[in-house]
Amino acid sequence: IFIGNLPYSYTESDIADMFEQYGRLKRITVPLDNRTHNNKGFAFVEFENRRDAEDAYDKYRGCTLGGRAIRIDWDVGKEKKFNNAERRNNSRSRSREPSYR
């Protein structure tokens, strides 16, 4: 599950407290800002069981945390993201002119 617009003060422990009541968690990923050491405003939660993930998704969809309306969505996973990006790159028309970036 992707959680967006997360309050910057939330830690991995806070997120675990929120979601572990719905089932066993496999992994929590909370990217941190190198300068502030706060989260970057989003996180990923992976459940061992799809049904538990669906329950948590239903519970937190449309929820507000710390005055912020969080966004909950299904994460497609790294493999799917990579394949979609590769497909987009391969479908672009190729120019005869050299690329300048």
PDB file of N, CA and C in Angstrom:
ATOM      1  N   ILE A   1       0.853  -1.179   0.000  1.00  0.00           N
ATOM      2  CA  ILE A   1       0.000   0.000   0.000  1.00  0.00           C
ATOM      3  C   ILE A   1       0.893   1.234   0.000  1.00  0.00           C
ATOM      4  N   PHE A   2       0.565   2.190  -0.836  1.00  0.00           N
ATOM      5  CA  PHE A   2       1.247   3.480  -0.852  1.00  0.00           C
ATOM      6  C   PHE A   2       0.459   4.432   0.039  1.00  0.00           C
ATOM      7  N   ILE A   3       1.141   5.168   0.910  1.00  0.00           N
ATOM      8  CA  ILE A   3       0.516   6.194   1.749  1.00  0.00           C
ATOM      9  C   ILE A   3       1.177   7.511   1.388  1.00  0.00           C
ATOM     10  N   GLY A   4       0.409   8.431   0.841  1.00  0.00           N
ATOM     11  CA  GLY A   4       0.941   9.727   0.442  1.00  0.00           C
ATOM     12  C   GLY A   4       0.390  10.847   1.296  1.00  0.00           C
ATOM     13  N   ASN A   5       1.056  11.986   1.250  1.00  0.00           N
ATOM     14  CA  ASN A   5       0.707  13.178   2.028  1.00  0.00           C
ATOM     15  C   ASN A   5       0.762  12.895   3.533  1.00  0.00           C
ATOM     16  N   LEU A   6       1.701  12.061   3.897  1.00  0.00           N
ATOM     17  CA  LEU A   6       1.914  11.672   5.288  1.00  0.00           C
ATOM     18  C   LEU A   6       2.530  12.835   6.063  1.00  0.00           C
ATOM     19  N   PRO A   7       2.083  13.095   7.298  1.00  0.00           N
ATOM     20  CA  PRO A   7       2.752  14.126   8.103  1.00  0.00           C
ATOM     21  C   PRO A   7       4.242  13.800   8.231  1.00  0.00           C
ATOM     22  N   TYR A   8       5.083  14.798   8.073  1.00  0.00           N
ATOM     23  CA  TYR A   8       6.532  14.592   8.041  1.00  0.00           C
ATOM     24  C   TYR A   8       7.099  14.048   9.348  1.00  0.00           C
ATOM     25  N   SER A   9       6.386  14.226  10.434  1.00  0.00           N
ATOM     26  CA  SER A   9       6.880  13.753  11.732  1.00  0.00           C
ATOM     27  C   SER A   9       6.635  12.257  11.947  1.00  0.00           C
ATOM     28  N   TYR A  10       5.825  11.616  11.105  1.00  0.00           N
ATOM     29  CA  TYR A  10       5.511  10.199  11.297  1.00  0.00           C
ATOM     30  C   TYR A  10       6.735   9.334  11.036  1.00  0.00           C
ATOM     31  N   THR A  11       6.923   8.357  11.928  1.00  0.00           N
ATOM     32  CA  THR A  11       8.057   7.441  11.832  1.00  0.00           C
ATOM     33  C   THR A  11       7.571   6.063  11.387  1.00  0.00           C
ATOM     34  N   GLU A  12       8.515   5.184  11.138  1.00  0.00           N
ATOM     35  CA  GLU A  12       8.179   3.810  10.794  1.00  0.00           C
ATOM     36  C   GLU A  12       7.359   3.166  11.909  1.00  0.00           C
ATOM     37  N   SER A  13       7.688   3.485  13.151  1.00  0.00           N
ATOM     38  CA  SER A  13       6.960   2.948  14.299  1.00  0.00           C
ATOM     39  C   SER A  13       5.508   3.438  14.318  1.00  0.00           C
ATOM     40  N   ASP A  14       5.293   4.721  14.013  1.00  0.00           N
ATOM     41  CA  ASP A  14       3.930   5.265  13.951  1.00  0.00           C
ATOM     42  C   ASP A  14       3.108   4.544  12.888  1.00  0.00           C
ATOM     43  N   ILE A  15       3.727   4.309  11.750  1.00  0.00           N
ATOM     44  CA  ILE A  15       3.028   3.643  10.650  1.00  0.00           C
ATOM     45  C   ILE A  15       2.738   2.186  11.011  1.00  0.00           C
ATOM     46  N   ALA A  16       3.691   1.530  11.659  1.00  0.00           N
ATOM     47  CA  ALA A  16       3.466   0.152  12.117  1.00  0.00           C
ATOM     48  C   ALA A  16       2.292   0.105  13.088  1.00  0.00           C
ATOM     49  N   ASP A  17       2.235   1.050  14.022  1.00  0.00           N
ATOM     50  CA  ASP A  17       1.126   1.096  14.983  1.00  0.00           C
ATOM     51  C   ASP A  17      -0.217   1.237  14.274  1.00  0.00           C
ATOM     52  N   MET A  18      -0.247   2.016  13.208  1.00  0.00           N
ATOM     53  CA  MET A  18      -1.488   2.223  12.462  1.00  0.00           C
ATOM     54  C   MET A  18      -1.944   0.956  11.746  1.00  0.00           C
ATOM     55  N   PHE A  19      -1.008   0.266  11.111  1.00  0.00           N
ATOM     56  CA  PHE A  19      -1.377  -0.795  10.180  1.00  0.00           C
ATOM     57  C   PHE A  19      -1.317  -2.209  10.744  1.00  0.00           C
ATOM     58  N   GLU A  20      -0.507  -2.458  11.774  1.00  0.00           N
ATOM     59  CA  GLU A  20      -0.366  -3.835  12.243  1.00  0.00           C
ATOM     60  C   GLU A  20      -1.628  -4.368  12.914  1.00  0.00           C
ATOM     61  N   GLN A  21      -2.554  -3.491  13.272  1.00  0.00           N
ATOM     62  CA  GLN A  21      -3.813  -3.965  13.849  1.00  0.00           C
ATOM     63  C   GLN A  21      -4.676  -4.693  12.818  1.00  0.00           C
ATOM     64  N   TYR A  22      -4.332  -4.570  11.529  1.00  0.00           N
ATOM     65  CA  TYR A  22      -5.109  -5.223  10.470  1.00  0.00           C
ATOM     66  C   TYR A  22      -4.501  -6.542  10.015  1.00  0.00           C
ATOM     67  N   GLY A  23      -3.270  -6.824  10.446  1.00  0.00           N
ATOM     68  CA  GLY A  23      -2.639  -8.093  10.085  1.00  0.00           C
ATOM     69  C   GLY A  23      -1.130  -7.985  10.138  1.00  0.00           C
ATOM     70  N   ARG A  24      -0.481  -9.114   9.867  1.00  0.00           N
ATOM     71  CA  ARG A  24       0.989  -9.166   9.918  1.00  0.00           C
ATOM     72  C   ARG A  24       1.590  -8.367   8.771  1.00  0.00           C
ATOM     73  N   LEU A  25       2.544  -7.516   9.136  1.00  0.00           N
ATOM     74  CA  LEU A  25       3.225  -6.696   8.144  1.00  0.00           C
ATOM     75  C   LEU A  25       4.478  -7.413   7.666  1.00  0.00           C
ATOM     76  N   LYS A  26       4.699  -7.359   6.380  1.00  0.00           N
ATOM     77  CA  LYS A  26       5.890  -7.956   5.790  1.00  0.00           C
ATOM     78  C   LYS A  26       7.023  -6.938   5.735  1.00  0.00           C
ATOM     79  N   ARG A  27       6.674  -5.688   5.379  1.00  0.00           N
ATOM     80  CA  ARG A  27       7.697  -4.654   5.249  1.00  0.00           C
ATOM     81  C   ARG A  27       7.055  -3.270   5.306  1.00  0.00           C
ATOM     82  N   ILE A  28       7.780  -2.324   5.895  1.00  0.00           N
ATOM     83  CA  ILE A  28       7.405  -0.909   5.891  1.00  0.00           C
ATOM     84  C   ILE A  28       8.600  -0.149   5.334  1.00  0.00           C
ATOM     85  N   THR A  29       8.355   0.691   4.350  1.00  0.00           N
ATOM     86  CA  THR A  29       9.416   1.514   3.767  1.00  0.00           C
ATOM     87  C   THR A  29       9.038   2.973   3.934  1.00  0.00           C
ATOM     88  N   VAL A  30       9.884   3.712   4.647  1.00  0.00           N
ATOM     89  CA  VAL A  30       9.648   5.136   4.892  1.00  0.00           C
ATOM     90  C   VAL A  30      10.903   5.903   4.461  1.00  0.00           C
ATOM     91  N   PRO A  31      10.921   6.433   3.234  1.00  0.00           N
ATOM     92  CA  PRO A  31      12.090   7.204   2.793  1.00  0.00           C
ATOM     93  C   PRO A  31      12.272   8.455   3.651  1.00  0.00           C
ATOM     94  N   LEU A  32      13.519   8.721   4.038  1.00  0.00           N
ATOM     95  CA  LEU A  32      13.824   9.870   4.892  1.00  0.00           C
ATOM     96  C   LEU A  32      14.588  10.939   4.121  1.00  0.00           C
ATOM     97  N   ASP A  33      14.320  12.185   4.469  1.00  0.00           N
ATOM     98  CA  ASP A  33      15.062  13.317   3.930  1.00  0.00           C
ATOM     99  C   ASP A  33      16.436  13.334   4.594  1.00  0.00           C
ATOM    100  N   ASN A  34      17.488  13.395   3.809  1.00  0.00           N
ATOM    101  CA  ASN A  34      18.853  13.354   4.357  1.00  0.00           C
ATOM    102  C   ASN A  34      19.174  14.547   5.246  1.00  0.00           C
ATOM    103  N   ARG A  35      18.577  15.684   4.960  1.00  0.00           N
ATOM    104  CA  ARG A  35      18.873  16.898   5.718  1.00  0.00           C
ATOM    105  C   ARG A  35      18.084  16.970   7.020  1.00  0.00           C
ATOM    106  N   THR A  36      16.768  16.744   6.942  1.00  0.00           N
ATOM    107  CA  THR A  36      15.913  16.907   8.124  1.00  0.00           C
ATOM    108  C   THR A  36      15.731  15.609   8.916  1.00  0.00           C
ATOM    109  N   HIS A  37      15.980  14.482   8.274  1.00  0.00           N
ATOM    110  CA  HIS A  37      15.772  13.151   8.857  1.00  0.00           C
ATOM    111  C   HIS A  37      14.300  12.853   9.124  1.00  0.00           C
ATOM    112  N   ASN A  38      13.405  13.680   8.589  1.00  0.00           N
ATOM    113  CA  ASN A  38      11.969  13.391   8.629  1.00  0.00           C
ATOM    114  C   ASN A  38      11.617  12.559   7.403  1.00  0.00           C
ATOM    115  N   ASN A  39      10.432  11.943   7.432  1.00  0.00           N
ATOM    116  CA  ASN A  39      10.013  11.206   6.251  1.00  0.00           C
ATOM    117  C   ASN A  39       9.754  12.193   5.112  1.00  0.00           C
ATOM    118  N   LYS A  40       9.710  11.684   3.895  1.00  0.00           N
ATOM    119  CA  LYS A  40       9.524  12.534   2.712  1.00  0.00           C
ATOM    120  C   LYS A  40       8.052  12.761   2.375  1.00  0.00           C
ATOM    121  N   GLY A  41       7.165  12.380   3.281  1.00  0.00           N
ATOM    122  CA  GLY A  41       5.738  12.607   3.047  1.00  0.00           C
ATOM    123  C   GLY A  41       5.018  11.417   2.439  1.00  0.00           C
ATOM    124  N   PHE A  42       5.723  10.295   2.333  1.00  0.00           N
ATOM    125  CA  PHE A  42       5.068   9.089   1.830  1.00  0.00           C
ATOM    126  C   PHE A  42       5.748   7.857   2.414  1.00  0.00           C
ATOM    127  N   ALA A  43       5.050   6.734   2.306  1.00  0.00           N
ATOM    128  CA  ALA A  43       5.579   5.466   2.808  1.00  0.00           C
ATOM    129  C   ALA A  43       4.898   4.323   2.062  1.00  0.00           C
ATOM    130  N   PHE A  44       5.460   3.141   2.214  1.00  0.00           N
ATOM    131  CA  PHE A  44       4.882   1.930   1.644  1.00  0.00           C
ATOM    132  C   PHE A  44       4.741   0.899   2.754  1.00  0.00           C
ATOM    133  N   VAL A  45       3.600   0.212   2.757  1.00  0.00           N
ATOM    134  CA  VAL A  45       3.350  -0.850   3.731  1.00  0.00           C
ATOM    135  C   VAL A  45       2.994  -2.108   2.949  1.00  0.00           C
ATOM    136  N   GLU A  46       3.665  -3.198   3.278  1.00  0.00           N
ATOM    137  CA  GLU A  46       3.382  -4.472   2.630  1.00  0.00           C
ATOM    138  C   GLU A  46       2.906  -5.465   3.683  1.00  0.00           C
ATOM    139  N   PHE A  47       1.745  -6.050   3.427  1.00  0.00           N
ATOM    140  CA  PHE A  47       1.163  -7.052   4.318  1.00  0.00           C
ATOM    141  C   PHE A  47       1.513  -8.451   3.826  1.00  0.00           C
ATOM    142  N   GLU A  48       1.499  -9.406   4.738  1.00  0.00           N
ATOM    143  CA  GLU A  48       1.697 -10.800   4.349  1.00  0.00           C
ATOM    144  C   GLU A  48       0.459 -11.351   3.654  1.00  0.00           C
ATOM    145  N   ASN A  49      -0.710 -10.785   3.965  1.00  0.00           N
ATOM    146  CA  ASN A  49      -1.975 -11.299   3.456  1.00  0.00           C
ATOM    147  C   ASN A  49      -2.724 -10.192   2.715  1.00  0.00           C
ATOM    148  N   ARG A  50      -3.169 -10.478   1.516  1.00  0.00           N
ATOM    149  CA  ARG A  50      -3.886  -9.492   0.691  1.00  0.00           C
ATOM    150  C   ARG A  50      -5.163  -9.004   1.391  1.00  0.00           C
ATOM    151  N   ARG A  51      -5.875  -9.896   2.013  1.00  0.00           N
ATOM    152  CA  ARG A  51      -7.138  -9.531   2.678  1.00  0.00           C
ATOM    153  C   ARG A  51      -6.904  -8.504   3.791  1.00  0.00           C
ATOM    154  N   ASP A  52      -5.835  -8.677   4.555  1.00  0.00           N
ATOM    155  CA  ASP A  52      -5.488  -7.715   5.606  1.00  0.00           C
ATOM    156  C   ASP A  52      -5.165  -6.354   4.997  1.00  0.00           C
ATOM    157  N   ALA A  53      -4.454  -6.369   3.883  1.00  0.00           N
ATOM    158  CA  ALA A  53      -4.125  -5.117   3.189  1.00  0.00           C
ATOM    159  C   ALA A  53      -5.396  -4.415   2.718  1.00  0.00           C
ATOM    160  N   GLU A  54      -6.354  -5.178   2.221  1.00  0.00           N
ATOM    161  CA  GLU A  54      -7.623  -4.599   1.772  1.00  0.00           C
ATOM    162  C   GLU A  54      -8.378  -3.963   2.932  1.00  0.00           C
ATOM    163  N   ASP A  55      -8.370  -4.617   4.097  1.00  0.00           N
ATOM    164  CA  ASP A  55      -9.032  -4.060   5.281  1.00  0.00           C
ATOM    165  C   ASP A  55      -8.393  -2.732   5.685  1.00  0.00           C
ATOM    166  N   ALA A  56      -7.065  -2.692   5.703  1.00  0.00           N
ATOM    167  CA  ALA A  56      -6.353  -1.461   6.064  1.00  0.00           C
ATOM    168  C   ALA A  56      -6.610  -0.370   5.030  1.00  0.00           C
ATOM    169  N   TYR A  57      -6.596  -0.741   3.768  1.00  0.00           N
ATOM    170  CA  TYR A  57      -6.868   0.204   2.677  1.00  0.00           C
ATOM    171  C   TYR A  57      -8.243   0.841   2.863  1.00  0.00           C
ATOM    172  N   ASP A  58      -9.242   0.005   3.112  1.00  0.00           N
ATOM    173  CA  ASP A  58     -10.608   0.508   3.309  1.00  0.00           C
ATOM    174  C   ASP A  58     -10.703   1.419   4.527  1.00  0.00           C
ATOM    175  N   LYS A  59      -9.992   1.083   5.592  1.00  0.00           N
ATOM    176  CA  LYS A  59     -10.036   1.868   6.831  1.00  0.00           C
ATOM    177  C   LYS A  59      -9.421   3.254   6.643  1.00  0.00           C
ATOM    178  N   TYR A  60      -8.279   3.331   5.979  1.00  0.00           N
ATOM    179  CA  TYR A  60      -7.543   4.597   5.913  1.00  0.00           C
ATOM    180  C   TYR A  60      -7.816   5.424   4.659  1.00  0.00           C
ATOM    181  N   ARG A  61      -8.559   4.899   3.730  1.00  0.00           N
ATOM    182  CA  ARG A  61      -8.903   5.672   2.535  1.00  0.00           C
ATOM    183  C   ARG A  61      -9.776   6.860   2.935  1.00  0.00           C
ATOM    184  N   GLY A  62      -9.343   8.077   2.556  1.00  0.00           N
ATOM    185  CA  GLY A  62     -10.081   9.282   2.900  1.00  0.00           C
ATOM    186  C   GLY A  62      -9.821   9.780   4.310  1.00  0.00           C
ATOM    187  N   CYS A  63      -8.847   9.210   4.986  1.00  0.00           N
ATOM    188  CA  CYS A  63      -8.527   9.543   6.374  1.00  0.00           C
ATOM    189  C   CYS A  63      -7.648  10.797   6.459  1.00  0.00           C
ATOM    190  N   THR A  64      -7.710  11.474   7.601  1.00  0.00           N
ATOM    191  CA  THR A  64      -6.857  12.628   7.878  1.00  0.00           C
ATOM    192  C   THR A  64      -5.936  12.288   9.040  1.00  0.00           C
ATOM    193  N   LEU A  65      -4.642  12.577   8.874  1.00  0.00           N
ATOM    194  CA  LEU A  65      -3.648  12.358   9.928  1.00  0.00           C
ATOM    195  C   LEU A  65      -2.890  13.650  10.162  1.00  0.00           C
ATOM    196  N   GLY A  66      -2.857  14.096  11.386  1.00  0.00           N
ATOM    197  CA  GLY A  66      -2.112  15.313  11.701  1.00  0.00           C
ATOM    198  C   GLY A  66      -2.552  16.507  10.875  1.00  0.00           C
ATOM    199  N   GLY A  67      -3.847  16.584  10.576  1.00  0.00           N
ATOM    200  CA  GLY A  67      -4.376  17.695   9.788  1.00  0.00           C
ATOM    201  C   GLY A  67      -4.154  17.565   8.289  1.00  0.00           C
ATOM    202  N   ARG A  68      -3.631  16.435   7.835  1.00  0.00           N
ATOM    203  CA  ARG A  68      -3.364  16.222   6.407  1.00  0.00           C
ATOM    204  C   ARG A  68      -4.230  15.083   5.885  1.00  0.00           C
ATOM    205  N   ALA A  69      -4.887  15.319   4.767  1.00  0.00           N
ATOM    206  CA  ALA A  69      -5.675  14.268   4.122  1.00  0.00           C
ATOM    207  C   ALA A  69      -4.704  13.329   3.415  1.00  0.00           C
ATOM    208  N   ILE A  70      -4.538  12.126   3.954  1.00  0.00           N
ATOM    209  CA  ILE A  70      -3.584  11.203   3.350  1.00  0.00           C
ATOM    210  C   ILE A  70      -4.184  10.548   2.113  1.00  0.00           C
ATOM    211  N   ARG A  71      -3.305  10.109   1.236  1.00  0.00           N
ATOM    212  CA  ARG A  71      -3.719   9.408   0.026  1.00  0.00           C
ATOM    213  C   ARG A  71      -3.268   7.957   0.138  1.00  0.00           C
ATOM    214  N   ILE A  72      -4.198   7.061  -0.001  1.00  0.00           N
ATOM    215  CA  ILE A  72      -3.910   5.629   0.054  1.00  0.00           C
ATOM    216  C   ILE A  72      -4.141   5.057  -1.339  1.00  0.00           C
ATOM    217  N   ASP A  73      -3.193   4.254  -1.796  1.00  0.00           N
ATOM    218  CA  ASP A  73      -3.334   3.638  -3.115  1.00  0.00           C
ATOM    219  C   ASP A  73      -2.592   2.305  -3.113  1.00  0.00           C
ATOM    220  N   TRP A  74      -2.903   1.482  -4.084  1.00  0.00           N
ATOM    221  CA  TRP A  74      -2.188   0.217  -4.217  1.00  0.00           C
ATOM    222  C   TRP A  74      -0.870   0.480  -4.913  1.00  0.00           C
ATOM    223  N   ASP A  75       0.203  -0.044  -4.354  1.00  0.00           N
ATOM    224  CA  ASP A  75       1.520   0.070  -4.975  1.00  0.00           C
ATOM    225  C   ASP A  75       1.645  -1.038  -6.010  1.00  0.00           C
ATOM    226  N   VAL A  76       2.095  -0.680  -7.210  1.00  0.00           N
ATOM    227  CA  VAL A  76       2.203  -1.683  -8.267  1.00  0.00           C
ATOM    228  C   VAL A  76       3.477  -2.512  -8.159  1.00  0.00           C
ATOM    229  N   GLY A  77       4.436  -2.077  -7.365  1.00  0.00           N
ATOM    230  CA  GLY A  77       5.672  -2.826  -7.188  1.00  0.00           C
ATOM    231  C   GLY A  77       6.744  -2.407  -8.170  1.00  0.00           C
ATOM    232  N   LYS A  78       7.994  -2.663  -7.814  1.00  0.00           N
ATOM    233  CA  LYS A  78       9.134  -2.244  -8.632  1.00  0.00           C
ATOM    234  C   LYS A  78       9.125  -2.889 -10.007  1.00  0.00           C
ATOM    235  N   GLU A  79       8.827  -4.180 -10.089  1.00  0.00           N
ATOM    236  CA  GLU A  79       8.853  -4.883 -11.372  1.00  0.00           C
ATOM    237  C   GLU A  79       7.892  -4.238 -12.364  1.00  0.00           C
ATOM    238  N   LYS A  80       6.679  -3.985 -11.920  1.00  0.00           N
ATOM    239  CA  LYS A  80       5.670  -3.418 -12.808  1.00  0.00           C
ATOM    240  C   LYS A  80       6.052  -1.995 -13.208  1.00  0.00           C
ATOM    241  N   LYS A  81       6.564  -1.193 -12.254  1.00  0.00           N
ATOM    242  CA  LYS A  81       6.986   0.170 -12.572  1.00  0.00           C
ATOM    243  C   LYS A  81       8.082   0.151 -13.623  1.00  0.00           C
ATOM    244  N   PHE A  82       9.058  -0.747 -13.466  1.00  0.00           N
ATOM    245  CA  PHE A  82      10.161  -0.843 -14.409  1.00  0.00           C
ATOM    246  C   PHE A  82       9.640  -1.236 -15.784  1.00  0.00           C
ATOM    247  N   ASN A  83       8.765  -2.235 -15.843  1.00  0.00           N
ATOM    248  CA  ASN A  83       8.225  -2.694 -17.124  1.00  0.00           C
ATOM    249  C   ASN A  83       7.421  -1.606 -17.811  1.00  0.00           C
ATOM    250  N   ASN A  84       6.633  -0.838 -17.064  1.00  0.00           N
ATOM    251  CA  ASN A  84       5.856   0.249 -17.658  1.00  0.00           C
ATOM    252  C   ASN A  84       6.765   1.333 -18.207  1.00  0.00           C
ATOM    253  N   ALA A  85       7.823   1.685 -17.477  1.00  0.00           N
ATOM    254  CA  ALA A  85       8.758   2.709 -17.944  1.00  0.00           C
ATOM    255  C   ALA A  85       9.473   2.232 -19.197  1.00  0.00           C
ATOM    256  N   GLU A  86       9.865   0.978 -19.221  1.00  0.00           N
ATOM    257  CA  GLU A  86      10.545   0.424 -20.389  1.00  0.00           C
ATOM    258  C   GLU A  86       9.618   0.431 -21.599  1.00  0.00           C
ATOM    259  N   ARG A  87       8.365   0.073 -21.401  1.00  0.00           N
ATOM    260  CA  ARG A  87       7.390   0.061 -22.484  1.00  0.00           C
ATOM    261  C   ARG A  87       7.190   1.465 -23.039  1.00  0.00           C
ATOM    262  N   ARG A  88       7.111   2.462 -22.153  1.00  0.00           N
ATOM    263  CA  ARG A  88       6.949   3.854 -22.607  1.00  0.00           C
ATOM    264  C   ARG A  88       8.158   4.293 -23.426  1.00  0.00           C
ATOM    265  N   ASN A  89       9.350   3.968 -22.962  1.00  0.00           N
ATOM    266  CA  ASN A  89      10.568   4.358 -23.675  1.00  0.00           C
ATOM    267  C   ASN A  89      10.652   3.697 -25.044  1.00  0.00           C
ATOM    268  N   ASN A  90      10.250   2.459 -25.148  1.00  0.00           N
ATOM    269  CA  ASN A  90      10.317   1.744 -26.418  1.00  0.00           C
ATOM    270  C   ASN A  90       9.256   2.203 -27.398  1.00  0.00           C
ATOM    271  N   SER A  91       8.180   2.787 -26.914  1.00  0.00           N
ATOM    272  CA  SER A  91       7.092   3.188 -27.801  1.00  0.00           C
ATOM    273  C   SER A  91       7.283   4.587 -28.376  1.00  0.00           C
ATOM    274  N   ARG A  92       8.257   5.330 -27.893  1.00  0.00           N
ATOM    275  CA  ARG A  92       8.488   6.678 -28.405  1.00  0.00           C
ATOM    276  C   ARG A  92       9.094   6.610 -29.794  1.00  0.00           C
ATOM    277  N   SER A  93       8.681   7.540 -30.636  1.00  0.00           N
ATOM    278  CA  SER A  93       9.279   7.577 -31.969  1.00  0.00           C
ATOM    279  C   SER A  93      10.717   8.064 -31.859  1.00  0.00           C
ATOM    280  N   ARG A  94      11.546   7.540 -32.694  1.00  0.00           N
ATOM    281  CA  ARG A  94      12.960   7.894 -32.674  1.00  0.00           C
ATOM    282  C   ARG A  94      13.232   9.001 -33.689  1.00  0.00           C
ATOM    283  N   SER A  95      13.871  10.035 -33.242  1.00  0.00           N
ATOM    284  CA  SER A  95      14.240  11.141 -34.111  1.00  0.00           C
ATOM    285  C   SER A  95      15.566  10.818 -34.778  1.00  0.00           C
ATOM    286  N   ARG A  96      15.776  11.347 -35.970  1.00  0.00           N
ATOM    287  CA  ARG A  96      17.052  11.160 -36.654  1.00  0.00           C
ATOM    288  C   ARG A  96      18.115  12.089 -36.102  1.00  0.00           C
ATOM    289  N   GLU A  97      17.693  13.105 -35.389  1.00  0.00           N
ATOM    290  CA  GLU A  97      18.626  14.073 -34.820  1.00  0.00           C
ATOM    291  C   GLU A  97      19.199  13.512 -33.524  1.00  0.00           C
ATOM    292  N   PRO A  98      20.457  13.848 -33.208  1.00  0.00           N
ATOM    293  CA  PRO A  98      21.013  13.383 -31.930  1.00  0.00           C
ATOM    294  C   PRO A  98      20.284  14.018 -30.755  1.00  0.00           C
ATOM    295  N   SER A  99      20.261  13.297 -29.676  1.00  0.00           N
ATOM    296  CA  SER A  99      19.592  13.787 -28.473  1.00  0.00           C
ATOM    297  C   SER A  99      20.524  14.694 -27.690  1.00  0.00           C
ATOM    298  N   TYR A 100      20.008  15.800 -27.202  1.00  0.00           N
ATOM    299  CA  TYR A 100      20.773  16.716 -26.358  1.00  0.00           C
ATOM    300  C   TYR A 100      20.062  16.839 -25.035  1.00  0.00           C
ATOM    301  N   ARG A 101      20.764  16.512 -23.973  1.00  0.00           N
ATOM    302  CA  ARG A 101      20.149  16.588 -22.644  1.00  0.00           C
ATOM    303  C   ARG A 101      21.015  17.362 -21.722  1.00  0.00           C
TER     304      ARG A 101
END
